[in-house]
Protein backbone atom coordinates (compact mmCIF):
# COMPACT_ATOMS: atom_id res chain seq x y z
CA GLN A 1 -14.67 9.34 -14.03
CA VAL A 2 -17.35 7.94 -11.77
CA GLN A 3 -17.39 4.15 -11.56
CA LEU A 4 -19.69 1.88 -9.60
CA VAL A 5 -18.94 -1.82 -9.91
CA GLU A 6 -21.26 -4.41 -8.43
CA SER A 7 -20.30 -7.97 -7.58
CA GLY A 8 -21.51 -10.92 -5.53
CA GLY A 9 -24.57 -11.93 -7.48
CA GLY A 10 -25.47 -15.40 -8.65
CA LEU A 11 -27.84 -18.28 -8.06
CA VAL A 12 -29.16 -18.96 -4.57
CA LYS A 13 -31.89 -21.23 -3.24
CA PRO A 14 -35.03 -19.85 -1.60
CA GLY A 15 -34.35 -19.03 2.01
CA GLY A 16 -30.69 -18.49 1.30
CA SER A 17 -28.45 -15.46 1.72
CA LEU A 18 -26.24 -13.40 -0.51
CA THR A 19 -24.20 -10.22 -0.10
CA LEU A 20 -23.78 -7.77 -2.95
CA THR A 21 -20.84 -5.38 -3.08
CA CYS A 22 -20.47 -2.11 -4.95
CA VAL A 23 -17.04 -0.54 -5.21
CA ALA A 24 -17.10 3.17 -5.97
CA SER A 25 -14.48 5.45 -7.47
CA GLY A 26 -14.18 8.84 -9.11
CA PHE A 27 -16.17 10.85 -6.59
CA PRO A 28 -16.10 11.61 -2.84
CA PHE A 29 -17.83 8.46 -1.65
CA ARG A 30 -17.95 9.51 1.99
CA ASP A 31 -19.95 12.62 1.02
CA SER A 32 -22.56 10.73 -0.98
CA GLY A 33 -25.74 8.98 -0.02
CA MET A 34 -26.06 5.69 -1.87
CA SER A 35 -28.86 3.37 -2.90
CA TRP A 36 -29.60 -0.10 -4.19
CA TYR A 37 -32.21 -0.59 -6.88
CA ARG A 38 -33.41 -3.71 -8.59
CA GLN A 39 -35.21 -4.51 -11.81
CA ARG A 40 -37.26 -7.68 -11.86
CA PRO A 41 -37.99 -9.34 -15.20
CA GLY A 42 -40.56 -7.37 -17.12
CA GLU A 43 -40.69 -4.56 -14.57
CA GLY A 44 -39.19 -1.12 -14.04
CA ARG A 45 -36.36 -0.25 -11.73
CA GLU A 46 -37.34 -0.25 -8.04
CA LEU A 47 -35.60 1.54 -5.16
CA ILE A 48 -35.12 -1.02 -2.41
CA ALA A 49 -32.64 0.49 0.05
CA GLN A 50 -30.74 3.70 0.67
CA ILE A 51 -28.17 4.85 3.17
CA GLY A 52 -26.87 8.23 4.27
CA ASN A 53 -23.30 9.29 3.64
CA LEU A 54 -22.16 8.40 7.15
CA GLY A 55 -24.12 5.18 7.29
CA MET A 56 -26.18 6.34 10.22
CA THR A 57 -29.51 6.48 8.41
CA SER A 58 -31.11 3.96 6.11
CA ASP A 59 -34.46 3.19 4.58
CA TYR A 60 -35.98 0.17 2.88
CA ALA A 61 -38.82 -0.73 0.58
CA ASP A 62 -41.52 -2.76 2.26
CA SER A 63 -40.73 -5.66 -0.05
CA VAL A 64 -37.28 -6.15 1.52
CA LYS A 65 -37.65 -4.65 4.99
CA GLY A 66 -36.45 -7.02 7.69
CA ARG A 67 -34.64 -9.24 5.18
CA PHE A 68 -32.11 -6.93 3.52
CA LEU A 69 -29.48 -4.73 5.16
CA ILE A 70 -27.64 -1.86 3.45
CA LEU A 71 -24.18 -1.06 4.78
CA ARG A 72 -21.17 0.96 3.73
CA ASN A 73 -17.47 1.19 4.48
CA ASN A 74 -16.28 4.69 3.67
CA GLY A 75 -12.66 3.69 4.21
CA LYS A 76 -12.99 1.19 1.38
CA ASN A 77 -15.37 3.21 -0.83
CA THR A 78 -17.68 0.21 -0.75
CA LEU A 79 -21.42 -0.27 -0.45
CA TYR A 80 -23.00 -3.56 0.56
CA LEU A 81 -26.39 -5.19 0.42
CA GLN A 82 -26.81 -8.14 2.73
CA MET A 83 -29.77 -10.20 1.57
CA SER A 84 -31.30 -12.98 3.60
CA ALA A 85 -34.46 -15.10 3.54
CA LEU A 86 -34.38 -14.75 -0.24
CA ARG A 87 -37.49 -15.48 -2.24
CA PRO A 88 -38.00 -16.30 -5.91
CA GLU A 89 -39.55 -12.85 -6.34
CA ASP A 90 -36.20 -11.31 -5.35
CA THR A 91 -34.85 -12.51 -8.69
CA ALA A 92 -33.68 -9.35 -10.44
CA VAL A 93 -30.78 -7.31 -11.69
CA TYR A 94 -29.46 -5.26 -8.77
CA PHE A 95 -27.88 -1.83 -9.24
CA CYS A 96 -26.06 0.53 -6.94
CA LYS A 97 -26.54 4.24 -7.45
CA ARG A 98 -25.10 7.46 -6.15
CA ASN A 99 -27.94 9.55 -4.77
CA GLN A 100 -28.80 12.86 -6.44
CA TYR A 101 -26.76 11.93 -9.51
CA GLN A 102 -27.41 9.70 -12.49
CA ASP A 103 -24.45 7.52 -11.59
CA TRP A 104 -25.31 3.84 -11.85
CA GLY A 105 -23.47 0.59 -11.79
CA ARG A 106 -23.97 -1.86 -14.66
CA GLY A 107 -25.97 -4.18 -12.45
CA ILE A 108 -25.54 -7.71 -11.17
CA HIS A 109 -27.89 -10.64 -11.62
CA VAL A 110 -29.41 -12.42 -8.65
CA THR A 111 -31.48 -15.52 -9.27
CA VAL A 112 -33.40 -17.19 -6.46
CA SER A 113 -34.48 -20.65 -7.51
CA SER A 114 -34.45 -24.21 -6.28
């Protein structure tokens, strides 16, 4: 059974940093590209970052480019999203996803507010 479990969310002040973690199980993680999505209040789900299976390629939405970093540790079946210079508009539920499959985590809340 595929499982993706996010953690690391919470409340952070504008300009602050936060790292999200997604632990994967039930599929060959090292063979799978992975992505982070987010859903801001009242909006649809938005792809913000993706990474190749070996971690050598990555891509970002313009809204987070230069501020967010997607990483993975295949030895630990774990995906990360390092977020810095956070803004109130980064407030959202963040999801990890296995590429090419409809495998999603349950999501984790991130609130950026003073």
